PDB file of N, CA and C in Angstrom:
ATOM      1  N   UNK A   1      18.568 -23.134  11.789  1.00  0.00           N
ATOM      2  CA  UNK A   1      19.960 -23.158  10.556  1.00  0.00           C
ATOM      3  C   UNK A   1      19.440 -22.487   9.197  1.00  0.00           C
ATOM      4  N   UNK A   2      20.452 -21.757   8.984  1.00  0.00           N
ATOM      5  CA  UNK A   2      20.404 -20.997   7.660  1.00  0.00           C
ATOM      6  C   UNK A   2      20.522 -21.692   6.294  1.00  0.00           C
ATOM      7  N   UNK A   3      19.592 -21.647   5.325  1.00  0.00           N
ATOM      8  CA  UNK A   3      19.401 -21.816   4.266  1.00  0.00           C
ATOM      9  C   UNK A   3      20.672 -21.904   3.142  1.00  0.00           C
ATOM     10  N   UNK A   4      21.538 -23.133   2.567  1.00  0.00           N
ATOM     11  CA  UNK A   4      22.584 -22.553   1.627  1.00  0.00           C
ATOM     12  C   UNK A   4      21.853 -22.173   0.399  1.00  0.00           C
ATOM     13  N   UNK A   5      22.615 -20.951   0.068  1.00  0.00           N
ATOM     14  CA  UNK A   5      22.336 -20.773  -1.664  1.00  0.00           C
ATOM     15  C   UNK A   5      23.343 -21.201  -2.182  1.00  0.00           C
ATOM     16  N   UNK A   6      22.683 -22.230  -3.282  1.00  0.00           N
ATOM     17  CA  UNK A   6      23.140 -23.121  -4.247  1.00  0.00           C
ATOM     18  C   UNK A   6      23.011 -22.346  -5.496  1.00  0.00           C
ATOM     19  N   UNK A   7      22.290 -21.855  -6.010  1.00  0.00           N
ATOM     20  CA  UNK A   7      21.084 -21.411  -7.091  1.00  0.00           C
ATOM     21  C   UNK A   7      21.646 -20.378  -7.635  1.00  0.00           C
ATOM     22  N   UNK A   8      21.301 -20.272  -8.880  1.00  0.00           N
ATOM     23  CA  UNK A   8      22.028 -18.281  -9.253  1.00  0.00           C
ATOM     24  C   UNK A   8      21.323 -17.834 -10.146  1.00  0.00           C
ATOM     25  N   UNK A   9      20.594 -17.156  -9.943  1.00  0.00           N
ATOM     26  CA  UNK A   9      19.776 -15.913 -11.250  1.00  0.00           C
ATOM     27  C   UNK A   9      20.387 -14.853 -11.453  1.00  0.00           C
ATOM     28  N   UNK A  10      20.916 -15.292 -12.961  1.00  0.00           N
ATOM     29  CA  UNK A  10      21.599 -13.665 -13.808  1.00  0.00           C
ATOM     30  C   UNK A  10      20.752 -13.126 -15.013  1.00  0.00           C
ATOM     31  N   UNK A  11      21.013 -12.023 -15.317  1.00  0.00           N
ATOM     32  CA  UNK A  11      20.667 -11.439 -16.317  1.00  0.00           C
ATOM     33  C   UNK A  11      21.617 -10.613 -17.325  1.00  0.00           C
ATOM     34  N   UNK A  12      21.216 -10.158 -17.828  1.00  0.00           N
ATOM     35  CA  UNK A  12      22.420  -9.255 -18.670  1.00  0.00           C
ATOM     36  C   UNK A  12      21.452  -7.643 -18.913  1.00  0.00           C
ATOM     37  N   UNK A  13      22.084  -7.058 -18.486  1.00  0.00           N
ATOM     38  CA  UNK A  13      22.039  -5.339 -18.591  1.00  0.00           C
ATOM     39  C   UNK A  13      22.633  -4.258 -19.218  1.00  0.00           C
ATOM     40  N   UNK A  14      22.393  -3.082 -19.948  1.00  0.00           N
ATOM     41  CA  UNK A  14      22.705  -2.253 -20.261  1.00  0.00           C
ATOM     42  C   UNK A  14      24.089  -1.566 -19.502  1.00  0.00           C
ATOM     43  N   UNK A  15      24.416  -0.297 -19.879  1.00  0.00           N
ATOM     44  CA  UNK A  15      25.286   0.489 -18.561  1.00  0.00           C
ATOM     45  C   UNK A  15      24.984   1.013 -17.608  1.00  0.00           C
ATOM     46  N   UNK A  16      23.895   1.592 -18.504  1.00  0.00           N
ATOM     47  CA  UNK A  16      22.893   2.606 -17.806  1.00  0.00           C
ATOM     48  C   UNK A  16      22.152   1.755 -17.014  1.00  0.00           C
ATOM     49  N   UNK A  17      21.657   0.871 -16.952  1.00  0.00           N
ATOM     50  CA  UNK A  17      21.087  -0.019 -15.894  1.00  0.00           C
ATOM     51  C   UNK A  17      21.786  -0.552 -15.155  1.00  0.00           C
ATOM     52  N   UNK A  18      23.343  -0.767 -15.407  1.00  0.00           N
ATOM     53  CA  UNK A  18      23.917  -1.403 -14.452  1.00  0.00           C
ATOM     54  C   UNK A  18      24.109  -0.007 -13.208  1.00  0.00           C
ATOM     55  N   UNK A  19      24.249   1.265 -14.033  1.00  0.00           N
ATOM     56  CA  UNK A  19      24.726   2.188 -13.028  1.00  0.00           C
ATOM     57  C   UNK A  19      23.183   2.574 -12.376  1.00  0.00           C
ATOM     58  N   UNK A  20      22.356   2.252 -12.614  1.00  0.00           N
ATOM     59  CA  UNK A  20      20.917   2.489 -11.808  1.00  0.00           C
ATOM     60  C   UNK A  20      20.950   1.722 -10.591  1.00  0.00           C
ATOM     61  N   UNK A  21      21.165   0.634 -10.792  1.00  0.00           N
ATOM     62  CA  UNK A  21      21.222  -0.532  -9.650  1.00  0.00           C
ATOM     63  C   UNK A  21      22.797  -0.361  -8.704  1.00  0.00           C
ATOM     64  N   UNK A  22      23.464   0.140  -9.410  1.00  0.00           N
ATOM     65  CA  UNK A  22      24.521   0.564  -8.812  1.00  0.00           C
ATOM     66  C   UNK A  22      24.192   1.623  -6.978  1.00  0.00           C
ATOM     67  N   UNK A  23      23.756   2.731  -8.107  1.00  0.00           N
ATOM     68  CA  UNK A  23      23.200   3.654  -7.078  1.00  0.00           C
ATOM     69  C   UNK A  23      22.195   3.582  -6.184  1.00  0.00           C
ATOM     70  N   UNK A  24      20.851   2.230  -6.817  1.00  0.00           N
ATOM     71  CA  UNK A  24      20.051   2.139  -6.088  1.00  0.00           C
ATOM     72  C   UNK A  24      20.495   1.021  -4.798  1.00  0.00           C
ATOM     73  N   UNK A  25      21.118   0.390  -4.948  1.00  0.00           N
ATOM     74  CA  UNK A  25      21.987  -1.228  -3.949  1.00  0.00           C
ATOM     75  C   UNK A  25      22.960   0.081  -3.037  1.00  0.00           C
ATOM     76  N   UNK A  26      23.456   1.270  -3.188  1.00  0.00           N
ATOM     77  CA  UNK A  26      23.696   2.352  -1.956  1.00  0.00           C
ATOM     78  C   UNK A  26      25.243   1.131  -1.605  1.00  0.00           C
ATOM     79  N   UNK A  27      25.190   0.628  -0.393  1.00  0.00           N
ATOM     80  CA  UNK A  27      26.213   0.487   0.186  1.00  0.00           C
ATOM     81  C   UNK A  27      26.553  -1.200  -0.057  1.00  0.00           C
ATOM     82  N   UNK A  28      24.843  -1.864  -0.435  1.00  0.00           N
ATOM     83  CA  UNK A  28      25.104  -3.466  -0.628  1.00  0.00           C
ATOM     84  C   UNK A  28      25.674  -3.555  -2.187  1.00  0.00           C
ATOM     85  N   UNK A  29      25.902  -4.928  -2.059  1.00  0.00           N
ATOM     86  CA  UNK A  29      26.376  -5.804  -3.427  1.00  0.00           C
ATOM     87  C   UNK A  29      25.294  -5.537  -3.970  1.00  0.00           C
ATOM     88  N   UNK A  30      25.170  -5.536  -5.221  1.00  0.00           N
ATOM     89  CA  UNK A  30      24.301  -5.001  -6.712  1.00  0.00           C
ATOM     90  C   UNK A  30      23.437  -6.599  -6.242  1.00  0.00           C
ATOM     91  N   UNK A  31      24.400  -7.361  -6.234  1.00  0.00           N
ATOM     92  CA  UNK A  31      23.732  -8.578  -6.170  1.00  0.00           C
ATOM     93  C   UNK A  31      22.515  -9.127  -5.034  1.00  0.00           C
ATOM     94  N   UNK A  32      23.109  -8.792  -3.593  1.00  0.00           N
ATOM     95  CA  UNK A  32      22.529  -8.676  -2.573  1.00  0.00           C
ATOM     96  C   UNK A  32      21.240  -7.678  -2.843  1.00  0.00           C
ATOM     97  N   UNK A  33      21.358  -6.681  -3.176  1.00  0.00           N
ATOM     98  CA  UNK A  33      20.177  -5.588  -3.448  1.00  0.00           C
ATOM     99  C   UNK A  33      19.368  -6.259  -4.428  1.00  0.00           C
ATOM    100  N   UNK A  34      19.750  -7.251  -5.331  1.00  0.00           N
ATOM    101  CA  UNK A  34      18.713  -7.350  -6.679  1.00  0.00           C
ATOM    102  C   UNK A  34      18.073  -8.971  -5.622  1.00  0.00           C
ATOM    103  N   UNK A  35      18.615  -9.307  -5.040  1.00  0.00           N
ATOM    104  CA  UNK A  35      18.231 -10.679  -4.614  1.00  0.00           C
ATOM    105  C   UNK A  35      16.996 -10.204  -3.455  1.00  0.00           C
ATOM    106  N   UNK A  36      16.873  -9.227  -2.694  1.00  0.00           N
ATOM    107  CA  UNK A  36      16.019  -8.183  -1.964  1.00  0.00           C
ATOM    108  C   UNK A  36      14.947  -8.181  -2.862  1.00  0.00           C
ATOM    109  N   UNK A  37      15.246  -7.415  -3.742  1.00  0.00           N
ATOM    110  CA  UNK A  37      14.098  -6.598  -4.876  1.00  0.00           C
ATOM    111  C   UNK A  37      13.123  -8.200  -5.322  1.00  0.00           C
ATOM    112  N   UNK A  38      14.143  -8.997  -6.004  1.00  0.00           N
ATOM    113  CA  UNK A  38      13.134 -10.142  -5.721  1.00  0.00           C
ATOM    114  C   UNK A  38      12.442 -10.942  -5.292  1.00  0.00           C
ATOM    115  N   UNK A  39      13.093 -10.862  -3.833  1.00  0.00           N
ATOM    116  CA  UNK A  39      11.892 -11.540  -2.860  1.00  0.00           C
ATOM    117  C   UNK A  39      11.040 -10.734  -2.349  1.00  0.00           C
ATOM    118  N   UNK A  40      11.227  -9.911  -2.600  1.00  0.00           N
ATOM    119  CA  UNK A  40      10.199  -8.521  -2.558  1.00  0.00           C
ATOM    120  C   UNK A  40       8.990  -8.831  -3.222  1.00  0.00           C
ATOM    121  N   UNK A  41       8.883  -8.646  -4.396  1.00  0.00           N
ATOM    122  CA  UNK A  41       8.530  -8.836  -5.750  1.00  0.00           C
ATOM    123  C   UNK A  41       7.615 -10.179  -5.993  1.00  0.00           C
ATOM    124  N   UNK A  42       8.251 -11.428  -5.091  1.00  0.00           N
ATOM    125  CA  UNK A  42       7.532 -12.912  -5.459  1.00  0.00           C
ATOM    126  C   UNK A  42       6.170 -12.156  -4.352  1.00  0.00           C
ATOM    127  N   UNK A  43       6.489 -11.999  -3.386  1.00  0.00           N
ATOM    128  CA  UNK A  43       5.807 -11.978  -1.731  1.00  0.00           C
ATOM    129  C   UNK A  43       5.132 -10.547  -1.579  1.00  0.00           C
ATOM    130  N   UNK A  44       3.716 -10.828  -2.180  1.00  0.00           N
ATOM    131  CA  UNK A  44       3.369  -9.117  -1.837  1.00  0.00           C
ATOM    132  C   UNK A  44       2.941  -8.845  -0.477  1.00  0.00           C
ATOM    133  N   UNK A  45       3.106  -7.394  -0.462  1.00  0.00           N
ATOM    134  CA  UNK A  45       3.261  -7.090   1.215  1.00  0.00           C
ATOM    135  C   UNK A  45       1.438  -7.005   1.502  1.00  0.00           C
ATOM    136  N   UNK A  46       1.778  -7.343   2.740  1.00  0.00           N
ATOM    137  CA  UNK A  46       0.245  -7.306   3.395  1.00  0.00           C
ATOM    138  C   UNK A  46      -0.373  -6.091   3.404  1.00  0.00           C
ATOM    139  N   UNK A  47       0.330  -5.143   3.816  1.00  0.00           N
ATOM    140  CA  UNK A  47      -0.074  -3.879   3.904  1.00  0.00           C
ATOM    141  C   UNK A  47      -0.666  -3.102   2.247  1.00  0.00           C
ATOM    142  N   UNK A  48       0.219  -3.987   1.512  1.00  0.00           N
ATOM    143  CA  UNK A  48      -0.682  -3.500   0.010  1.00  0.00           C
ATOM    144  C   UNK A  48      -1.463  -4.544  -0.114  1.00  0.00           C
ATOM    145  N   UNK A  49      -1.817  -5.630   0.608  1.00  0.00           N
ATOM    146  CA  UNK A  49      -3.170  -6.237   0.336  1.00  0.00           C
ATOM    147  C   UNK A  49      -4.338  -5.606   1.003  1.00  0.00           C
ATOM    148  N   UNK A  50      -3.329  -5.115   2.059  1.00  0.00           N
ATOM    149  CA  UNK A  50      -5.104  -4.093   2.805  1.00  0.00           C
ATOM    150  C   UNK A  50      -6.030  -2.911   2.355  1.00  0.00           C
ATOM    151  N   UNK A  51      -4.674  -2.463   1.547  1.00  0.00           N
ATOM    152  CA  UNK A  51      -4.782  -1.049   1.220  1.00  0.00           C
ATOM    153  C   UNK A  51      -5.273  -1.360  -0.250  1.00  0.00           C
ATOM    154  N   UNK A  52      -4.859  -1.913  -0.871  1.00  0.00           N
ATOM    155  CA  UNK A  52      -6.155  -2.261  -2.424  1.00  0.00           C
ATOM    156  C   UNK A  52      -7.134  -2.839  -1.814  1.00  0.00           C
ATOM    157  N   UNK A  53      -7.338  -3.317  -0.720  1.00  0.00           N
ATOM    158  CA  UNK A  53      -8.436  -3.760  -0.401  1.00  0.00           C
ATOM    159  C   UNK A  53      -9.884  -3.010  -0.101  1.00  0.00           C
ATOM    160  N   UNK A  54      -9.303  -1.968   0.839  1.00  0.00           N
ATOM    161  CA  UNK A  54     -10.056  -1.226   0.935  1.00  0.00           C
ATOM    162  C   UNK A  54     -10.284  -0.162   0.011  1.00  0.00           C
ATOM    163  N   UNK A  55      -9.409  -0.016  -1.044  1.00  0.00           N
ATOM    164  CA  UNK A  55      -9.336   1.092  -1.975  1.00  0.00           C
ATOM    165  C   UNK A  55     -10.454  -0.155  -3.204  1.00  0.00           C
ATOM    166  N   UNK A  56     -10.333  -0.467  -3.358  1.00  0.00           N
ATOM    167  CA  UNK A  56     -11.813  -1.476  -4.224  1.00  0.00           C
ATOM    168  C   UNK A  56     -12.891  -1.535  -3.691  1.00  0.00           C
ATOM    169  N   UNK A  57     -12.698  -1.673  -2.112  1.00  0.00           N
ATOM    170  CA  UNK A  57     -14.142  -1.521  -1.650  1.00  0.00           C
ATOM    171  C   UNK A  57     -14.726  -0.251  -1.713  1.00  0.00           C
ATOM    172  N   UNK A  58     -14.153   0.773  -1.700  1.00  0.00           N
ATOM    173  CA  UNK A  58     -14.260   2.421  -1.828  1.00  0.00           C
ATOM    174  C   UNK A  58     -14.541   2.349  -2.977  1.00  0.00           C
ATOM    175  N   UNK A  59     -13.979   1.807  -4.235  1.00  0.00           N
ATOM    176  CA  UNK A  59     -14.280   2.219  -5.675  1.00  0.00           C
ATOM    177  C   UNK A  59     -15.674   1.621  -5.906  1.00  0.00           C
ATOM    178  N   UNK A  60     -15.921   0.088  -5.295  1.00  0.00           N
ATOM    179  CA  UNK A  60     -17.194  -0.444  -5.734  1.00  0.00           C
ATOM    180  C   UNK A  60     -18.444   0.172  -4.791  1.00  0.00           C
ATOM    181  N   UNK A  61     -18.176   0.905  -3.824  1.00  0.00           N
ATOM    182  CA  UNK A  61     -19.360   1.721  -3.151  1.00  0.00           C
ATOM    183  C   UNK A  61     -19.889   3.311  -3.929  1.00  0.00           C
ATOM    184  N   UNK A  62     -18.710   3.711  -4.272  1.00  0.00           N
ATOM    185  CA  UNK A  62     -18.616   5.288  -4.693  1.00  0.00           C
ATOM    186  C   UNK A  62     -19.152   5.034  -6.745  1.00  0.00           C
ATOM    187  N   UNK A  63     -18.937   4.162  -7.390  1.00  0.00           N
ATOM    188  CA  UNK A  63     -19.679   3.816  -8.441  1.00  0.00           C
ATOM    189  C   UNK A  63     -20.662   3.155  -8.494  1.00  0.00           C
ATOM    190  N   UNK A  64     -21.473   2.757  -7.395  1.00  0.00           N
ATOM    191  CA  UNK A  64     -22.545   2.232  -7.215  1.00  0.00           C
ATOM    192  C   UNK A  64     -23.578   3.314  -7.222  1.00  0.00           C
ATOM    193  N   UNK A  65     -23.233   4.408  -5.841  1.00  0.00           N
ATOM    194  CA  UNK A  65     -23.682   5.180  -5.178  1.00  0.00           C
ATOM    195  C   UNK A  65     -23.508   6.323  -6.871  1.00  0.00           C
ATOM    196  N   UNK A  66     -22.703   6.481  -7.429  1.00  0.00           N
ATOM    197  CA  UNK A  66     -22.562   7.668  -8.498  1.00  0.00           C
ATOM    198  C   UNK A  66     -23.689   7.001  -9.630  1.00  0.00           C
ATOM    199  N   UNK A  67     -23.835   5.757  -9.707  1.00  0.00           N
ATOM    200  CA  UNK A  67     -24.681   5.153 -10.726  1.00  0.00           C
ATOM    201  C   UNK A  67     -26.317   6.032 -10.641  1.00  0.00           C
ATOM    202  N   UNK A  68     -26.324   5.292  -9.261  1.00  0.00           N
ATOM    203  CA  UNK A  68     -28.023   5.717  -8.637  1.00  0.00           C
ATOM    204  C   UNK A  68     -28.260   7.139  -9.230  1.00  0.00           C
ATOM    205  N   UNK A  69     -27.297   8.302  -8.335  1.00  0.00           N
ATOM    206  CA  UNK A  69     -27.903   9.591  -8.503  1.00  0.00           C
ATOM    207  C   UNK A  69     -27.309  10.160  -9.760  1.00  0.00           C
ATOM    208  N   UNK A  70     -26.756   9.441 -10.699  1.00  0.00           N
ATOM    209  CA  UNK A  70     -26.913   9.985 -12.195  1.00  0.00           C
ATOM    210  C   UNK A  70     -27.950   9.675 -12.505  1.00  0.00           C
ATOM    211  N   UNK A  71     -28.597   8.870 -12.421  1.00  0.00           N
ATOM    212  CA  UNK A  71     -29.823   8.421 -12.682  1.00  0.00           C
ATOM    213  C   UNK A  71     -30.955   8.981 -12.058  1.00  0.00           C
ATOM    214  N   UNK A  72     -30.713   9.948 -11.016  1.00  0.00           N
ATOM    215  CA  UNK A  72     -31.251  11.116 -10.628  1.00  0.00           C
ATOM    216  C   UNK A  72     -32.189  10.080  -9.384  1.00  0.00           C
ATOM    217  N   UNK A  73     -31.758   9.083  -8.721  1.00  0.00           N
ATOM    218  CA  UNK A  73     -32.217   8.130  -7.757  1.00  0.00           C
ATOM    219  C   UNK A  73     -31.797   9.011  -6.388  1.00  0.00           C
ATOM    220  N   UNK A  74     -32.516   8.650  -5.452  1.00  0.00           N
ATOM    221  CA  UNK A  74     -31.471   8.818  -3.956  1.00  0.00           C
ATOM    222  C   UNK A  74     -31.427   7.576  -3.510  1.00  0.00           C
ATOM    223  N   UNK A  75     -30.068   7.983  -2.469  1.00  0.00           N
ATOM    224  CA  UNK A  75     -30.165   7.010  -1.710  1.00  0.00           C
ATOM    225  C   UNK A  75     -30.021   6.856  -0.153  1.00  0.00           C
ATOM    226  N   UNK A  76     -30.481   5.637   0.314  1.00  0.00           N
ATOM    227  CA  UNK A  76     -31.181   5.975   1.660  1.00  0.00           C
ATOM    228  C   UNK A  76     -30.710   5.488   2.395  1.00  0.00           C
ATOM    229  N   UNK A  77     -30.262   5.510   4.165  1.00  0.00           N
ATOM    230  CA  UNK A  77     -29.024   4.839   5.028  1.00  0.00           C
ATOM    231  C   UNK A  77     -29.569   3.382   4.675  1.00  0.00           C
ATOM    232  N   UNK A  78     -30.067   3.007   4.897  1.00  0.00           N
ATOM    233  CA  UNK A  78     -30.427   1.279   4.613  1.00  0.00           C
ATOM    234  C   UNK A  78     -29.968   1.197   3.203  1.00  0.00           C
ATOM    235  N   UNK A  79     -29.987   1.402   2.294  1.00  0.00           N
ATOM    236  CA  UNK A  79     -29.138   1.265   1.297  1.00  0.00           C
ATOM    237  C   UNK A  79     -28.256   1.202   0.665  1.00  0.00           C
ATOM    238  N   UNK A  80     -27.277   2.745   1.218  1.00  0.00           N
ATOM    239  CA  UNK A  80     -25.899   2.669   1.577  1.00  0.00           C
ATOM    240  C   UNK A  80     -25.825   1.720   2.284  1.00  0.00           C
ATOM    241  N   UNK A  81     -25.748   1.407   3.337  1.00  0.00           N
ATOM    242  CA  UNK A  81     -25.464  -0.037   4.388  1.00  0.00           C
ATOM    243  C   UNK A  81     -25.303  -1.065   3.638  1.00  0.00           C
ATOM    244  N   UNK A  82     -26.340  -1.329   2.822  1.00  0.00           N
ATOM    245  CA  UNK A  82     -25.933  -2.255   1.359  1.00  0.00           C
ATOM    246  C   UNK A  82     -24.992  -2.348   0.717  1.00  0.00           C
ATOM    247  N   UNK A  83     -24.903  -1.072   0.357  1.00  0.00           N
ATOM    248  CA  UNK A  83     -23.562  -0.826  -0.558  1.00  0.00           C
ATOM    249  C   UNK A  83     -22.299  -0.835  -0.042  1.00  0.00           C
ATOM    250  N   UNK A  84     -22.457  -0.770   1.497  1.00  0.00           N
ATOM    251  CA  UNK A  84     -21.422  -1.161   1.728  1.00  0.00           C
ATOM    252  C   UNK A  84     -20.830  -2.451   2.409  1.00  0.00           C
ATOM    253  N   UNK A  85     -22.232  -3.623   2.635  1.00  0.00           N
ATOM    254  CA  UNK A  85     -21.734  -4.600   2.938  1.00  0.00           C
ATOM    255  C   UNK A  85     -21.608  -5.294   1.584  1.00  0.00           C
ATOM    256  N   UNK A  86     -22.278  -4.843   0.866  1.00  0.00           N
ATOM    257  CA  UNK A  86     -21.528  -5.473  -0.780  1.00  0.00           C
ATOM    258  C   UNK A  86     -20.214  -5.531  -0.697  1.00  0.00           C
ATOM    259  N   UNK A  87     -19.738  -4.438  -0.782  1.00  0.00           N
ATOM    260  CA  UNK A  87     -18.300  -3.964  -0.977  1.00  0.00           C
ATOM    261  C   UNK A  87     -17.280  -4.843  -0.182  1.00  0.00           C
ATOM    262  N   UNK A  88     -18.025  -4.973   1.229  1.00  0.00           N
ATOM    263  CA  UNK A  88     -16.769  -5.695   2.277  1.00  0.00           C
ATOM    264  C   UNK A  88     -16.845  -7.103   1.805  1.00  0.00           C
ATOM    265  N   UNK A  89     -18.546  -7.329   1.408  1.00  0.00           N
ATOM    266  CA  UNK A  89     -17.916  -9.092   0.971  1.00  0.00           C
ATOM    267  C   UNK A  89     -17.012  -9.676   0.536  1.00  0.00           C
ATOM    268  N   UNK A  90     -16.852  -9.611  -0.474  1.00  0.00           N
ATOM    269  CA  UNK A  90     -15.369  -9.906  -1.259  1.00  0.00           C
ATOM    270  C   UNK A  90     -14.384  -9.429  -1.694  1.00  0.00           C
ATOM    271  N   UNK A  91     -14.113  -8.377  -0.897  1.00  0.00           N
ATOM    272  CA  UNK A  91     -13.005  -7.292  -1.141  1.00  0.00           C
ATOM    273  C   UNK A  91     -11.849  -7.962  -0.776  1.00  0.00           C
ATOM    274  N   UNK A  92     -11.612  -8.797   0.377  1.00  0.00           N
ATOM    275  CA  UNK A  92     -10.434  -9.730  -0.126  1.00  0.00           C
ATOM    276  C   UNK A  92     -10.237 -10.276  -1.129  1.00  0.00           C
ATOM    277  N   UNK A  93     -11.090 -11.250  -1.687  1.00  0.00           N
ATOM    278  CA  UNK A  93     -10.786 -12.297  -2.321  1.00  0.00           C
ATOM    279  C   UNK A  93     -10.451 -11.160  -3.654  1.00  0.00           C
ATOM    280  N   UNK A  94     -11.400 -10.435  -4.394  1.00  0.00           N
ATOM    281  CA  UNK A  94     -10.723  -9.442  -4.773  1.00  0.00           C
ATOM    282  C   UNK A  94      -9.600  -9.224  -5.521  1.00  0.00           C
ATOM    283  N   UNK A  95      -9.431  -8.632  -4.030  1.00  0.00           N
ATOM    284  CA  UNK A  95      -7.982  -8.054  -4.398  1.00  0.00           C
ATOM    285  C   UNK A  95      -6.780  -8.648  -4.631  1.00  0.00           C
ATOM    286  N   UNK A  96      -6.507  -9.597  -3.766  1.00  0.00           N
ATOM    287  CA  UNK A  96      -6.103 -11.288  -4.147  1.00  0.00           C
ATOM    288  C   UNK A  96      -5.995 -11.229  -5.654  1.00  0.00           C
ATOM    289  N   UNK A  97      -6.708 -11.590  -6.376  1.00  0.00           N
ATOM    290  CA  UNK A  97      -7.624 -12.031  -7.383  1.00  0.00           C
ATOM    291  C   UNK A  97      -6.529 -10.654  -8.836  1.00  0.00           C
ATOM    292  N   UNK A  98      -7.100  -9.192  -8.143  1.00  0.00           N
ATOM    293  CA  UNK A  98      -6.019  -8.492  -8.812  1.00  0.00           C
ATOM    294  C   UNK A  98      -4.370  -8.494  -8.852  1.00  0.00           C
ATOM    295  N   UNK A  99      -4.216  -9.179  -7.609  1.00  0.00           N
ATOM    296  CA  UNK A  99      -2.853  -9.029  -6.913  1.00  0.00           C
ATOM    297  C   UNK A  99      -1.827 -10.169  -7.967  1.00  0.00           C
ATOM    298  N   UNK A 100      -2.671 -11.369  -7.759  1.00  0.00           N
ATOM    299  CA  UNK A 100      -2.159 -12.405  -8.812  1.00  0.00           C
ATOM    300  C   UNK A 100      -2.612 -12.249 -10.137  1.00  0.00           C
ATOM    301  N   UNK A 101      -3.317 -11.399 -11.303  1.00  0.00           N
ATOM    302  CA  UNK A 101      -3.181 -11.418 -12.115  1.00  0.00           C
ATOM    303  C   UNK A 101      -1.983 -10.261 -12.345  1.00  0.00           C
ATOM    304  N   UNK A 102      -2.061  -9.470 -11.917  1.00  0.00           N
ATOM    305  CA  UNK A 102      -0.902  -8.419 -11.295  1.00  0.00           C
ATOM    306  C   UNK A 102       1.119  -8.915 -11.584  1.00  0.00           C
ATOM    307  N   UNK A 103       0.553 -10.228 -10.856  1.00  0.00           N
ATOM    308  CA  UNK A 103       1.720 -10.838 -10.872  1.00  0.00           C
ATOM    309  C   UNK A 103       2.288 -11.873 -12.105  1.00  0.00           C
ATOM    310  N   UNK A 104       0.789 -11.870 -12.490  1.00  0.00           N
ATOM    311  CA  UNK A 104       1.042 -13.113 -13.861  1.00  0.00           C
ATOM    312  C   UNK A 104       1.665 -11.946 -14.879  1.00  0.00           C
ATOM    313  N   UNK A 105       0.672 -11.078 -15.448  1.00  0.00           N
ATOM    314  CA  UNK A 105       1.369 -10.455 -16.167  1.00  0.00           C
ATOM    315  C   UNK A 105       2.912  -9.956 -16.462  1.00  0.00           C
ATOM    316  N   UNK A 106       3.315  -9.614 -14.732  1.00  0.00           N
ATOM    317  CA  UNK A 106       4.798  -9.369 -14.662  1.00  0.00           C
ATOM    318  C   UNK A 106       5.841 -10.382 -15.018  1.00  0.00           C
ATOM    319  N   UNK A 107       4.763 -12.148 -15.238  1.00  0.00           N
ATOM    320  CA  UNK A 107       5.884 -13.125 -15.554  1.00  0.00           C
ATOM    321  C   UNK A 107       5.824 -13.169 -17.012  1.00  0.00           C
ATOM    322  N   UNK A 108       4.793 -12.699 -17.414  1.00  0.00           N
ATOM    323  CA  UNK A 108       4.716 -12.766 -19.265  1.00  0.00           C
ATOM    324  C   UNK A 108       6.264 -12.582 -19.529  1.00  0.00           C
TER     325      UNK A 108
END
């Protein structure tokens, strides 16, 4: 059974903003378009989380490797494997934390 929509959310916009929203909504009403946008913003996409997770793990690996190389050190295959394992350990937790921080900043 579909849930009835009984609550309303509204905001004031400028003429320019309204024109932009009309253009972005296309054939949809601005209200339906805005509702879809709000719901998508409230629920981070799983694909975004996976992508952010991998980018952050890669960043961790690269920063650690570059730091060692900048100090004239070499990286053995075993050490590289440890860097990869270290980056993979907390990558999902770190990505979720970053997304939550971003969402909280948007709420300010």
